[in-house]
Amino acid sequence: MGKDPTPKNWPSSIPYLSQPSLAPHLTKIQRESLRIRSPDLVATMPSNFPRGPSSLVKIIPINDPIHPANGQAGLFAARHLEPGALILPYYGLVHSSLPPYSLTHDKSDYDLWLNRESGVAVDADQAGNEARFINDYRGVCERPNAEFRQCWDMRSGQQCMAVFVLPAGKNAPTKTKTKTSASGIAKGAEILVSYGKGFWSKRKEEQDASVSQAA
């Protein structure tokens, strides 16, 4: 049996996921919480949404000295993406965010809340899909053109994290190298989100701690 297909430019050292990977330590209550759809969970992933490499995006190495992710990679639109449209799921290891299991993921740049009330998060550091290559908009654009959003996966009947194009009006035209516009995300434009102030505050704390240790 052959290997599962992977997207172009996918790193060979990172397992590619076509569905979430559940950590063995998740409790029965945490697993059951993911199978409950609350009334306010309106975003959905259709039952016919394809698994595996996405035809909507491309992983592209970044060779731009002024780009914050220069020398790494980003995720770019392979076609025009309409405002509010689902782009792809965010896959990774679905794990408990409670101690002691949270310690393994504390320094991950790929860890997102999936169900805060149940203490469940998803981390794409060690395994994931194309969504792990989405960069923060800071230093690239004036504002993001996409967002992480919790949604209901009709295929598996449980909660998941996914990436959506921002609705019209939220990603107004900006003066930038990327080809974004108020009509969605143009073909060839980099898909950019906001990691949030908490991410950058944590990053600064880690950097300050490293400097103190080196002093």
N, C-alpha and C. Protein backbone atom coordinates (compact mmCIF):
# COMPACT_ATOMS: atom_id res chain seq x y z
N MET A 1 0.85 -1.19 0.00
CA MET A 1 0.00 0.00 0.00
C MET A 1 0.89 1.24 0.00
N GLY A 2 0.60 2.21 -0.89
CA GLY A 2 1.43 3.40 -1.01
C GLY A 2 1.17 4.40 0.10
N LYS A 3 2.05 5.37 0.19
CA LYS A 3 1.91 6.41 1.20
C LYS A 3 0.76 7.34 0.82
N ASP A 4 0.13 7.93 1.83
CA ASP A 4 -0.91 8.91 1.57
C ASP A 4 -0.29 10.11 0.86
N PRO A 5 -1.04 10.73 -0.08
CA PRO A 5 -0.50 11.89 -0.80
C PRO A 5 -0.26 13.06 0.14
N THR A 6 0.76 13.83 -0.17
CA THR A 6 1.05 15.04 0.60
C THR A 6 1.14 16.22 -0.36
N PRO A 7 0.90 17.43 0.12
CA PRO A 7 0.98 18.61 -0.75
C PRO A 7 2.41 18.89 -1.19
N LYS A 8 2.55 19.60 -2.28
CA LYS A 8 3.86 20.03 -2.75
C LYS A 8 4.49 20.91 -1.68
N ASN A 9 5.78 20.74 -1.46
CA ASN A 9 6.57 21.48 -0.48
C ASN A 9 6.27 21.09 0.97
N TRP A 10 5.61 19.95 1.15
CA TRP A 10 5.36 19.47 2.51
C TRP A 10 6.65 18.90 3.09
N PRO A 11 7.04 19.29 4.32
CA PRO A 11 8.29 18.79 4.91
C PRO A 11 8.20 17.30 5.24
N SER A 12 9.20 16.56 4.83
CA SER A 12 9.21 15.11 5.01
C SER A 12 9.27 14.69 6.47
N SER A 13 9.72 15.60 7.34
CA SER A 13 9.87 15.26 8.76
C SER A 13 8.57 15.40 9.56
N ILE A 14 7.54 15.97 8.94
CA ILE A 14 6.27 16.22 9.62
C ILE A 14 5.19 15.31 9.04
N PRO A 15 4.55 14.46 9.85
CA PRO A 15 3.45 13.63 9.34
C PRO A 15 2.30 14.50 8.84
N TYR A 16 1.76 14.13 7.67
CA TYR A 16 0.63 14.87 7.09
C TYR A 16 -0.67 14.21 7.55
N LEU A 17 -1.61 15.02 8.04
CA LEU A 17 -2.87 14.50 8.54
C LEU A 17 -4.03 14.86 7.61
N SER A 18 -4.89 13.89 7.35
CA SER A 18 -6.11 14.14 6.59
C SER A 18 -7.33 14.11 7.50
N GLN A 19 -7.09 14.00 8.80
CA GLN A 19 -8.12 14.10 9.82
C GLN A 19 -7.43 14.35 11.16
N PRO A 20 -8.15 14.82 12.17
CA PRO A 20 -7.51 15.10 13.46
C PRO A 20 -6.94 13.84 14.09
N SER A 21 -5.88 14.01 14.86
CA SER A 21 -5.28 12.91 15.61
C SER A 21 -5.61 13.13 17.09
N LEU A 22 -6.32 12.19 17.71
CA LEU A 22 -6.73 12.35 19.10
C LEU A 22 -5.68 11.75 20.04
N ALA A 23 -5.24 12.54 21.00
CA ALA A 23 -4.26 12.06 21.97
C ALA A 23 -4.90 11.00 22.87
N PRO A 24 -4.17 9.92 23.17
CA PRO A 24 -4.72 8.85 24.02
C PRO A 24 -5.13 9.32 25.41
N HIS A 25 -4.52 10.40 25.90
CA HIS A 25 -4.80 10.83 27.27
C HIS A 25 -6.12 11.61 27.40
N LEU A 26 -6.78 11.95 26.30
CA LEU A 26 -8.06 12.66 26.40
C LEU A 26 -9.04 11.83 27.22
N THR A 27 -9.72 12.48 28.13
CA THR A 27 -10.68 11.76 28.96
C THR A 27 -11.96 11.49 28.19
N LYS A 28 -12.77 10.61 28.72
CA LYS A 28 -14.05 10.30 28.10
C LYS A 28 -14.92 11.54 28.02
N ILE A 29 -14.90 12.35 29.06
CA ILE A 29 -15.70 13.58 29.07
C ILE A 29 -15.23 14.55 28.00
N GLN A 30 -13.90 14.67 27.84
CA GLN A 30 -13.36 15.57 26.81
C GLN A 30 -13.73 15.09 25.42
N ARG A 31 -13.64 13.79 25.18
CA ARG A 31 -14.01 13.25 23.87
C ARG A 31 -15.50 13.47 23.59
N GLU A 32 -16.31 13.24 24.59
CA GLU A 32 -17.75 13.43 24.42
C GLU A 32 -18.11 14.89 24.18
N SER A 33 -17.36 15.80 24.81
CA SER A 33 -17.64 17.23 24.64
C SER A 33 -17.44 17.67 23.19
N LEU A 34 -16.52 17.02 22.49
CA LEU A 34 -16.26 17.37 21.10
C LEU A 34 -17.38 16.91 20.17
N ARG A 35 -18.23 16.00 20.66
CA ARG A 35 -19.33 15.48 19.84
C ARG A 35 -20.66 16.18 20.16
N ILE A 36 -20.56 17.26 20.92
CA ILE A 36 -21.75 18.06 21.25
C ILE A 36 -21.73 19.35 20.43
N ARG A 37 -22.79 19.57 19.69
CA ARG A 37 -22.89 20.80 18.90
C ARG A 37 -23.80 21.79 19.61
N SER A 38 -23.22 22.87 20.07
CA SER A 38 -24.00 23.89 20.76
C SER A 38 -24.76 24.74 19.73
N PRO A 39 -25.84 25.38 20.13
CA PRO A 39 -26.65 26.18 19.21
C PRO A 39 -25.89 27.31 18.53
N ASP A 40 -24.86 27.83 19.21
CA ASP A 40 -24.11 28.95 18.63
C ASP A 40 -22.98 28.51 17.70
N LEU A 41 -22.81 27.21 17.53
CA LEU A 41 -21.78 26.71 16.61
C LEU A 41 -22.41 26.58 15.22
N VAL A 42 -22.41 27.68 14.50
CA VAL A 42 -23.13 27.73 13.22
C VAL A 42 -22.25 27.40 12.01
N ALA A 43 -20.94 27.64 12.12
CA ALA A 43 -20.04 27.34 11.00
C ALA A 43 -19.93 25.83 10.83
N THR A 44 -19.97 25.37 9.59
CA THR A 44 -19.92 23.93 9.34
C THR A 44 -18.91 23.58 8.26
N MET A 45 -18.44 22.35 8.34
CA MET A 45 -17.65 21.75 7.29
C MET A 45 -18.54 20.71 6.62
N PRO A 46 -18.91 20.89 5.34
CA PRO A 46 -19.88 20.02 4.69
C PRO A 46 -19.44 18.56 4.67
N SER A 47 -20.41 17.66 4.58
CA SER A 47 -20.14 16.23 4.55
C SER A 47 -19.36 15.81 3.31
N ASN A 48 -19.44 16.63 2.25
CA ASN A 48 -18.73 16.29 1.01
C ASN A 48 -17.41 17.05 0.87
N PHE A 49 -16.96 17.71 1.96
CA PHE A 49 -15.69 18.44 1.89
C PHE A 49 -14.57 17.41 1.77
N PRO A 50 -13.72 17.52 0.74
CA PRO A 50 -12.68 16.50 0.50
C PRO A 50 -11.59 16.47 1.57
N ARG A 51 -11.10 15.28 1.84
CA ARG A 51 -9.95 15.11 2.73
C ARG A 51 -8.68 15.08 1.89
N GLY A 52 -7.55 15.22 2.57
CA GLY A 52 -6.27 15.17 1.86
C GLY A 52 -5.86 16.54 1.35
N PRO A 53 -4.79 16.60 0.55
CA PRO A 53 -4.27 17.87 0.05
C PRO A 53 -5.36 18.73 -0.58
N SER A 54 -5.38 20.01 -0.22
CA SER A 54 -6.41 20.93 -0.69
C SER A 54 -6.05 21.53 -2.05
N SER A 55 -7.06 21.64 -2.90
CA SER A 55 -6.87 22.27 -4.21
C SER A 55 -7.00 23.79 -4.13
N LEU A 56 -7.35 24.29 -2.94
CA LEU A 56 -7.58 25.73 -2.77
C LEU A 56 -6.34 26.49 -2.36
N VAL A 57 -5.31 25.77 -1.90
CA VAL A 57 -4.13 26.44 -1.34
C VAL A 57 -2.84 25.81 -1.84
N LYS A 58 -1.76 26.56 -1.68
CA LYS A 58 -0.42 26.07 -2.01
C LYS A 58 0.56 26.49 -0.92
N ILE A 59 1.45 25.57 -0.55
CA ILE A 59 2.55 25.89 0.36
C ILE A 59 3.70 26.41 -0.49
N ILE A 60 4.14 27.62 -0.20
CA ILE A 60 5.19 28.24 -1.02
C ILE A 60 6.31 28.77 -0.12
N PRO A 61 7.57 28.39 -0.40
CA PRO A 61 8.70 28.95 0.36
C PRO A 61 8.75 30.46 0.20
N ILE A 62 9.12 31.16 1.27
CA ILE A 62 9.19 32.62 1.24
C ILE A 62 10.64 33.06 1.16
N ASN A 63 10.94 33.78 0.11
CA ASN A 63 12.28 34.33 -0.09
C ASN A 63 12.17 35.84 -0.26
N ASP A 64 11.88 36.50 0.84
CA ASP A 64 11.68 37.94 0.84
C ASP A 64 12.30 38.48 2.13
N PRO A 65 13.40 39.21 2.03
CA PRO A 65 14.12 39.68 3.22
C PRO A 65 13.27 40.50 4.20
N ILE A 66 12.21 41.17 3.71
CA ILE A 66 11.41 42.00 4.60
C ILE A 66 10.21 41.24 5.17
N HIS A 67 10.01 40.01 4.73
CA HIS A 67 8.90 39.20 5.25
C HIS A 67 9.32 38.59 6.58
N PRO A 68 8.49 38.67 7.62
CA PRO A 68 8.86 38.10 8.92
C PRO A 68 9.17 36.60 8.87
N ALA A 69 8.59 35.89 7.88
CA ALA A 69 8.81 34.45 7.76
C ALA A 69 9.80 34.13 6.64
N ASN A 70 10.68 35.07 6.33
CA ASN A 70 11.68 34.83 5.28
C ASN A 70 12.50 33.59 5.59
N GLY A 71 12.67 32.73 4.60
CA GLY A 71 13.42 31.49 4.79
C GLY A 71 12.55 30.34 5.26
N GLN A 72 11.27 30.63 5.52
CA GLN A 72 10.35 29.58 5.93
C GLN A 72 9.33 29.36 4.80
N ALA A 73 8.06 29.25 5.12
CA ALA A 73 7.05 29.05 4.08
C ALA A 73 5.75 29.69 4.52
N GLY A 74 4.85 29.90 3.56
CA GLY A 74 3.54 30.45 3.84
C GLY A 74 2.49 29.70 3.04
N LEU A 75 1.25 30.01 3.31
CA LEU A 75 0.14 29.37 2.60
C LEU A 75 -0.51 30.41 1.70
N PHE A 76 -0.67 30.06 0.43
CA PHE A 76 -1.17 30.99 -0.58
C PHE A 76 -2.40 30.42 -1.28
N ALA A 77 -3.27 31.31 -1.73
CA ALA A 77 -4.49 30.90 -2.41
C ALA A 77 -4.17 30.39 -3.81
N ALA A 78 -4.67 29.20 -4.13
CA ALA A 78 -4.45 28.61 -5.46
C ALA A 78 -5.52 29.08 -6.45
N ARG A 79 -6.56 29.71 -5.92
CA ARG A 79 -7.63 30.29 -6.74
C ARG A 79 -8.28 31.39 -5.91
N HIS A 80 -9.15 32.14 -6.54
CA HIS A 80 -9.84 33.19 -5.80
C HIS A 80 -10.74 32.57 -4.74
N LEU A 81 -10.67 33.12 -3.51
CA LEU A 81 -11.45 32.61 -2.40
C LEU A 81 -12.46 33.68 -1.98
N GLU A 82 -13.73 33.33 -1.98
CA GLU A 82 -14.80 34.28 -1.71
C GLU A 82 -14.85 34.68 -0.23
N PRO A 83 -15.36 35.88 0.06
CA PRO A 83 -15.50 36.32 1.44
C PRO A 83 -16.34 35.33 2.27
N GLY A 84 -15.87 35.03 3.45
CA GLY A 84 -16.60 34.13 4.34
C GLY A 84 -16.48 32.66 4.03
N ALA A 85 -15.76 32.31 2.96
CA ALA A 85 -15.69 30.91 2.52
C ALA A 85 -14.78 30.07 3.42
N LEU A 86 -15.16 28.81 3.58
CA LEU A 86 -14.29 27.84 4.26
C LEU A 86 -13.11 27.53 3.35
N ILE A 87 -11.91 27.63 3.91
CA ILE A 87 -10.71 27.31 3.12
C ILE A 87 -10.27 25.87 3.37
N LEU A 88 -10.01 25.53 4.61
CA LEU A 88 -9.58 24.18 4.96
C LEU A 88 -9.61 24.00 6.47
N PRO A 89 -9.65 22.75 6.93
CA PRO A 89 -9.59 22.49 8.37
C PRO A 89 -8.18 22.72 8.90
N TYR A 90 -8.09 22.89 10.21
CA TYR A 90 -6.79 23.00 10.88
C TYR A 90 -6.60 21.71 11.67
N TYR A 91 -5.74 20.83 11.15
CA TYR A 91 -5.52 19.53 11.78
C TYR A 91 -4.23 19.52 12.60
N GLY A 92 -4.25 18.70 13.62
CA GLY A 92 -3.10 18.52 14.47
C GLY A 92 -3.43 17.50 15.54
N LEU A 93 -2.66 17.46 16.59
CA LEU A 93 -2.92 16.57 17.71
C LEU A 93 -3.94 17.24 18.63
N VAL A 94 -5.10 16.61 18.76
CA VAL A 94 -6.13 17.11 19.67
C VAL A 94 -5.79 16.59 21.06
N HIS A 95 -5.51 17.48 21.99
CA HIS A 95 -4.94 17.08 23.29
C HIS A 95 -5.60 17.85 24.43
N SER A 96 -5.37 17.37 25.63
CA SER A 96 -5.83 18.08 26.81
C SER A 96 -4.92 19.27 27.07
N SER A 97 -5.53 20.39 27.39
CA SER A 97 -4.74 21.59 27.71
C SER A 97 -4.58 21.75 29.21
N LEU A 98 -4.91 20.70 29.95
CA LEU A 98 -4.78 20.72 31.40
C LEU A 98 -3.48 20.05 31.82
N PRO A 99 -2.87 20.49 32.93
CA PRO A 99 -1.66 19.83 33.43
C PRO A 99 -1.95 18.37 33.77
N PRO A 100 -1.00 17.47 33.56
CA PRO A 100 0.39 17.74 33.12
C PRO A 100 0.55 17.77 31.61
N TYR A 101 -0.52 17.45 30.86
CA TYR A 101 -0.40 17.30 29.41
C TYR A 101 -0.12 18.63 28.71
N SER A 102 -0.55 19.74 29.31
CA SER A 102 -0.35 21.04 28.68
C SER A 102 1.12 21.42 28.59
N LEU A 103 1.95 20.87 29.48
CA LEU A 103 3.36 21.25 29.52
C LEU A 103 4.07 20.94 28.20
N THR A 104 3.65 19.87 27.54
CA THR A 104 4.28 19.47 26.27
C THR A 104 4.03 20.50 25.18
N HIS A 105 2.95 21.25 25.31
CA HIS A 105 2.54 22.14 24.22
C HIS A 105 2.71 23.62 24.56
N ASP A 106 3.23 23.92 25.74
CA ASP A 106 3.33 25.30 26.20
C ASP A 106 4.11 26.21 25.25
N LYS A 107 5.16 25.68 24.65
CA LYS A 107 6.01 26.50 23.80
C LYS A 107 5.73 26.33 22.31
N SER A 108 4.64 25.63 21.99
CA SER A 108 4.30 25.42 20.58
C SER A 108 3.72 26.68 19.96
N ASP A 109 4.12 26.99 18.73
CA ASP A 109 3.56 28.11 17.99
C ASP A 109 2.34 27.69 17.18
N TYR A 110 1.95 26.43 17.31
CA TYR A 110 0.88 25.88 16.47
C TYR A 110 -0.32 25.40 17.28
N ASP A 111 -0.38 25.78 18.54
CA ASP A 111 -1.41 25.26 19.45
C ASP A 111 -2.59 26.22 19.53
N LEU A 112 -3.79 25.73 19.20
CA LEU A 112 -5.00 26.56 19.24
C LEU A 112 -6.04 25.92 20.15
N TRP A 113 -6.83 26.76 20.80
CA TRP A 113 -7.95 26.24 21.57
C TRP A 113 -8.96 25.61 20.62
N LEU A 114 -9.49 24.46 21.00
CA LEU A 114 -10.58 23.82 20.25
C LEU A 114 -11.86 23.89 21.07
N ASN A 115 -11.77 23.54 22.34
CA ASN A 115 -12.91 23.66 23.25
C ASN A 115 -12.37 24.11 24.61
N ARG A 116 -12.41 25.40 24.83
CA ARG A 116 -11.80 25.96 26.04
C ARG A 116 -12.49 25.45 27.30
N GLU A 117 -13.82 25.32 27.26
CA GLU A 117 -14.57 24.89 28.44
C GLU A 117 -14.18 23.48 28.88
N SER A 118 -13.87 22.63 27.91
CA SER A 118 -13.49 21.25 28.22
C SER A 118 -11.99 21.07 28.35
N GLY A 119 -11.23 22.14 28.12
CA GLY A 119 -9.78 22.05 28.22
C GLY A 119 -9.17 21.23 27.11
N VAL A 120 -9.64 21.46 25.86
CA VAL A 120 -9.13 20.72 24.71
C VAL A 120 -8.57 21.69 23.68
N ALA A 121 -7.38 21.38 23.17
CA ALA A 121 -6.72 22.21 22.16
C ALA A 121 -6.22 21.32 21.02
N VAL A 122 -5.80 21.96 19.94
CA VAL A 122 -5.24 21.21 18.81
C VAL A 122 -3.89 21.83 18.44
N ASP A 123 -2.87 20.98 18.36
CA ASP A 123 -1.49 21.43 18.14
C ASP A 123 -0.94 20.80 16.86
N ALA A 124 -0.55 21.65 15.90
CA ALA A 124 -0.03 21.17 14.62
C ALA A 124 1.49 21.23 14.55
N ASP A 125 2.14 21.31 15.70
CA ASP A 125 3.60 21.40 15.72
C ASP A 125 4.26 20.15 15.16
N GLN A 126 3.84 18.98 15.63
CA GLN A 126 4.49 17.73 15.25
C GLN A 126 3.79 16.99 14.13
N ALA A 127 2.56 17.37 13.80
CA ALA A 127 1.79 16.76 12.71
C ALA A 127 0.64 17.69 12.37
N GLY A 128 0.26 17.73 11.10
CA GLY A 128 -0.83 18.62 10.73
C GLY A 128 -1.13 18.58 9.25
N ASN A 129 -1.74 19.64 8.77
CA ASN A 129 -2.01 19.77 7.33
C ASN A 129 -1.55 21.15 6.86
N GLU A 130 -1.97 21.57 5.69
CA GLU A 130 -1.47 22.81 5.11
C GLU A 130 -1.71 24.03 6.00
N ALA A 131 -2.75 23.99 6.82
CA ALA A 131 -3.11 25.15 7.64
C ALA A 131 -2.00 25.55 8.61
N ARG A 132 -1.09 24.63 8.94
CA ARG A 132 -0.02 24.95 9.88
C ARG A 132 0.97 25.97 9.29
N PHE A 133 0.88 26.23 7.99
CA PHE A 133 1.80 27.16 7.34
C PHE A 133 1.23 28.57 7.24
N ILE A 134 0.07 28.81 7.80
CA ILE A 134 -0.52 30.15 7.75
C ILE A 134 0.25 31.09 8.68
N ASN A 135 0.67 32.21 8.15
CA ASN A 135 1.44 33.19 8.91
C ASN A 135 0.55 34.29 9.48
N ASP A 136 1.09 34.99 10.46
CA ASP A 136 0.43 36.17 11.03
C ASP A 136 0.58 37.33 10.05
N TYR A 137 -0.43 38.21 10.05
CA TYR A 137 -0.41 39.31 9.09
C TYR A 137 0.58 40.41 9.43
N ARG A 138 1.02 40.48 10.67
CA ARG A 138 1.88 41.58 11.10
C ARG A 138 3.20 41.58 10.35
N GLY A 139 3.55 42.72 9.80
CA GLY A 139 4.76 42.84 9.01
C GLY A 139 4.57 42.47 7.55
N VAL A 140 3.35 42.02 7.20
CA VAL A 140 3.06 41.64 5.82
C VAL A 140 1.93 42.47 5.25
N CYS A 141 0.85 42.59 6.03
CA CYS A 141 -0.34 43.32 5.62
C CYS A 141 -0.75 44.28 6.72
N GLU A 142 -1.68 45.17 6.37
CA GLU A 142 -2.23 46.06 7.38
C GLU A 142 -3.23 45.33 8.27
N ARG A 143 -3.81 44.26 7.76
CA ARG A 143 -4.79 43.49 8.52
C ARG A 143 -4.89 42.09 7.93
N PRO A 144 -5.44 41.14 8.67
CA PRO A 144 -5.56 39.75 8.15
C PRO A 144 -6.64 39.65 7.08
N ASN A 145 -6.60 38.57 6.32
CA ASN A 145 -7.65 38.30 5.34
C ASN A 145 -8.37 36.99 5.63
N ALA A 146 -7.98 36.31 6.71
CA ALA A 146 -8.59 35.04 7.08
C ALA A 146 -8.62 34.92 8.60
N GLU A 147 -9.30 33.90 9.11
CA GLU A 147 -9.39 33.71 10.55
C GLU A 147 -9.56 32.23 10.89
N PHE A 148 -9.07 31.86 12.08
CA PHE A 148 -9.35 30.54 12.62
C PHE A 148 -10.74 30.61 13.26
N ARG A 149 -11.55 29.56 13.01
CA ARG A 149 -12.89 29.56 13.55
C ARG A 149 -13.30 28.13 13.91
N GLN A 150 -13.88 27.98 15.09
CA GLN A 150 -14.40 26.67 15.47
C GLN A 150 -15.60 26.36 14.59
N CYS A 151 -15.71 25.11 14.13
CA CYS A 151 -16.84 24.74 13.30
C CYS A 151 -17.26 23.30 13.59
N TRP A 152 -18.38 22.92 13.01
CA TRP A 152 -18.92 21.58 13.17
C TRP A 152 -18.61 20.77 11.91
N ASP A 153 -17.88 19.67 12.09
CA ASP A 153 -17.50 18.82 10.96
C ASP A 153 -18.63 17.82 10.70
N MET A 154 -19.35 18.02 9.61
CA MET A 154 -20.47 17.14 9.27
C MET A 154 -20.00 15.73 8.93
N ARG A 155 -18.75 15.58 8.56
CA ARG A 155 -18.22 14.27 8.17
C ARG A 155 -17.99 13.37 9.39
N SER A 156 -17.49 13.96 10.47
CA SER A 156 -17.15 13.17 11.65
C SER A 156 -18.12 13.35 12.81
N GLY A 157 -18.98 14.38 12.69
CA GLY A 157 -19.93 14.64 13.76
C GLY A 157 -19.28 15.13 15.02
N GLN A 158 -18.29 16.03 14.87
CA GLN A 158 -17.66 16.61 16.05
C GLN A 158 -17.08 17.98 15.74
N GLN A 159 -16.70 18.67 16.78
CA GLN A 159 -16.13 20.00 16.64
C GLN A 159 -14.74 19.92 16.01
N CYS A 160 -14.39 20.95 15.26
CA CYS A 160 -13.03 21.03 14.72
C CYS A 160 -12.68 22.50 14.54
N MET A 161 -11.40 22.75 14.31
CA MET A 161 -10.93 24.10 14.01
C MET A 161 -10.72 24.19 12.50
N ALA A 162 -11.04 25.35 11.93
CA ALA A 162 -10.90 25.52 10.48
C ALA A 162 -10.49 26.95 10.16
N VAL A 163 -10.12 27.17 8.91
CA VAL A 163 -9.70 28.48 8.44
C VAL A 163 -10.74 29.00 7.45
N PHE A 164 -11.21 30.22 7.68
CA PHE A 164 -12.20 30.85 6.82
C PHE A 164 -11.68 32.17 6.29
N VAL A 165 -12.11 32.54 5.08
CA VAL A 165 -11.85 33.89 4.57
C VAL A 165 -12.68 34.84 5.42
N LEU A 166 -12.11 35.98 5.78
CA LEU A 166 -12.87 36.96 6.54
C LEU A 166 -14.07 37.44 5.71
N PRO A 167 -15.19 37.72 6.37
CA PRO A 167 -16.36 38.23 5.65
C PRO A 167 -16.05 39.55 4.97
N ALA A 168 -16.83 39.89 3.95
CA ALA A 168 -16.65 41.16 3.24
C ALA A 168 -16.74 42.31 4.22
N GLY A 169 -15.83 43.28 4.06
CA GLY A 169 -15.83 44.44 4.95
C GLY A 169 -14.80 44.34 6.05
N LYS A 170 -14.42 43.11 6.43
CA LYS A 170 -13.42 42.93 7.49
C LYS A 170 -12.01 42.90 6.94
N ASN A 171 -11.87 42.57 5.66
CA ASN A 171 -10.53 42.56 5.06
C ASN A 171 -10.50 43.56 3.91
N ALA A 172 -10.73 44.82 4.26
CA ALA A 172 -10.76 45.89 3.27
C ALA A 172 -9.44 46.00 2.53
N PRO A 173 -9.43 46.59 1.32
CA PRO A 173 -8.20 46.69 0.52
C PRO A 173 -7.07 47.35 1.31
N THR A 174 -5.87 46.83 1.18
CA THR A 174 -4.71 47.39 1.86
C THR A 174 -3.57 47.57 0.87
N LYS A 175 -2.66 48.48 1.19
CA LYS A 175 -1.48 48.70 0.35
C LYS A 175 -0.44 47.68 0.77
N THR A 176 -0.31 46.63 0.00
CA THR A 176 0.58 45.54 0.36
C THR A 176 1.03 44.81 -0.89
N LYS A 177 2.07 44.02 -0.75
CA LYS A 177 2.55 43.23 -1.87
C LYS A 177 1.59 42.11 -2.22
N THR A 178 0.85 41.61 -1.22
CA THR A 178 -0.06 40.51 -1.49
C THR A 178 -1.29 41.01 -2.21
N LYS A 179 -2.00 40.09 -2.86
CA LYS A 179 -3.11 40.46 -3.72
C LYS A 179 -4.45 40.28 -3.01
N THR A 180 -4.60 40.90 -1.87
CA THR A 180 -5.85 40.79 -1.13
C THR A 180 -6.78 41.93 -1.49
N SER A 181 -8.07 41.70 -1.31
CA SER A 181 -9.05 42.74 -1.60
C SER A 181 -10.30 42.49 -0.79
N ALA A 182 -11.24 43.45 -0.84
CA ALA A 182 -12.47 43.33 -0.08
C ALA A 182 -13.35 42.22 -0.63
N SER A 183 -13.05 41.73 -1.83
CA SER A 183 -13.87 40.70 -2.45
C SER A 183 -13.38 39.30 -2.09
N GLY A 184 -12.57 39.19 -1.07
CA GLY A 184 -12.05 37.89 -0.68
C GLY A 184 -10.53 37.86 -0.75
N ILE A 185 -10.00 36.71 -1.12
CA ILE A 185 -8.55 36.55 -1.27
C ILE A 185 -8.26 36.18 -2.71
N ALA A 186 -7.44 36.98 -3.37
CA ALA A 186 -7.15 36.75 -4.78
C ALA A 186 -6.21 35.56 -4.97
N LYS A 187 -6.30 34.96 -6.12
CA LYS A 187 -5.39 33.87 -6.48
C LYS A 187 -3.95 34.36 -6.37
N GLY A 188 -3.10 33.61 -5.69
CA GLY A 188 -1.70 33.97 -5.54
C GLY A 188 -1.40 34.79 -4.30
N ALA A 189 -2.43 35.22 -3.58
CA ALA A 189 -2.22 36.03 -2.37
C ALA A 189 -1.93 35.13 -1.18
N GLU A 190 -1.13 35.63 -0.26
CA GLU A 190 -0.84 34.87 0.95
C GLU A 190 -2.04 34.93 1.89
N ILE A 191 -2.37 33.80 2.48
CA ILE A 191 -3.45 33.71 3.46
C ILE A 191 -2.86 34.07 4.81
N LEU A 192 -3.44 35.09 5.46
CA LEU A 192 -2.87 35.64 6.68
C LEU A 192 -3.94 35.79 7.76
N VAL A 193 -3.61 35.40 8.97
CA VAL A 193 -4.53 35.53 10.10
C VAL A 193 -3.89 36.39 11.18
N SER A 194 -4.63 36.63 12.23
CA SER A 194 -4.06 37.27 13.42
C SER A 194 -3.84 36.19 14.46
N TYR A 195 -2.61 36.04 14.90
CA TYR A 195 -2.31 35.07 15.96
C TYR A 195 -2.85 35.54 17.30
N GLY A 196 -3.15 36.84 17.40
CA GLY A 196 -3.69 37.39 18.64
C GLY A 196 -2.59 37.98 19.52
N LYS A 197 -2.99 38.92 20.37
CA LYS A 197 -2.03 39.59 21.24
C LYS A 197 -1.41 38.61 22.24
N GLY A 198 -2.19 37.60 22.65
CA GLY A 198 -1.68 36.63 23.61
C GLY A 198 -0.48 35.88 23.07
N PHE A 199 -0.50 35.54 21.79
CA PHE A 199 0.61 34.83 21.17
C PHE A 199 1.88 35.66 21.24
N TRP A 200 1.77 36.94 20.85
CA TRP A 200 2.96 37.79 20.80
C TRP A 200 3.45 38.16 22.19
N SER A 201 2.55 38.27 23.15
CA SER A 201 2.96 38.53 24.53
C SER A 201 3.76 37.36 25.08
N LYS A 202 3.27 36.16 24.77
CA LYS A 202 3.97 34.95 25.21
C LYS A 202 5.34 34.85 24.55
N ARG A 203 5.39 35.15 23.26
CA ARG A 203 6.65 35.11 22.52
C ARG A 203 7.66 36.09 23.12
N LYS A 204 7.21 37.29 23.47
CA LYS A 204 8.10 38.30 24.06
C LYS A 204 8.61 37.83 25.42
N GLU A 205 7.74 37.21 26.21
CA GLU A 205 8.16 36.72 27.53
C GLU A 205 9.25 35.66 27.37
N GLU A 206 9.10 34.77 26.38
CA GLU A 206 10.09 33.73 26.15
C GLU A 206 11.42 34.33 25.70
N GLN A 207 11.34 35.35 24.84
CA GLN A 207 12.56 35.99 24.36
C GLN A 207 13.27 36.71 25.51
N ASP A 208 12.50 37.40 26.35
CA ASP A 208 13.09 38.12 27.48
C ASP A 208 13.75 37.13 28.45
N ALA A 209 13.10 35.97 28.63
CA ALA A 209 13.66 34.96 29.53
C ALA A 209 14.97 34.41 28.97
N SER A 210 15.03 34.24 27.65
CA SER A 210 16.25 33.73 27.02
C SER A 210 17.39 34.72 27.17
N VAL A 211 17.08 36.01 27.02
CA VAL A 211 18.10 37.05 27.16
C VAL A 211 18.63 37.09 28.59
N SER A 212 17.71 36.94 29.56
CA SER A 212 18.11 36.96 30.98
C SER A 212 19.02 35.80 31.32
N GLN A 213 18.70 34.63 30.75
CA GLN A 213 19.52 33.45 31.01
C GLN A 213 20.89 33.56 30.39
N ALA A 214 20.96 34.23 29.22
CA ALA A 214 22.23 34.36 28.52
C ALA A 214 23.12 35.43 29.16
N ALA A 215 22.49 36.36 29.88
CA ALA A 215 23.25 37.47 30.49
C ALA A 215 24.13 36.99 31.63
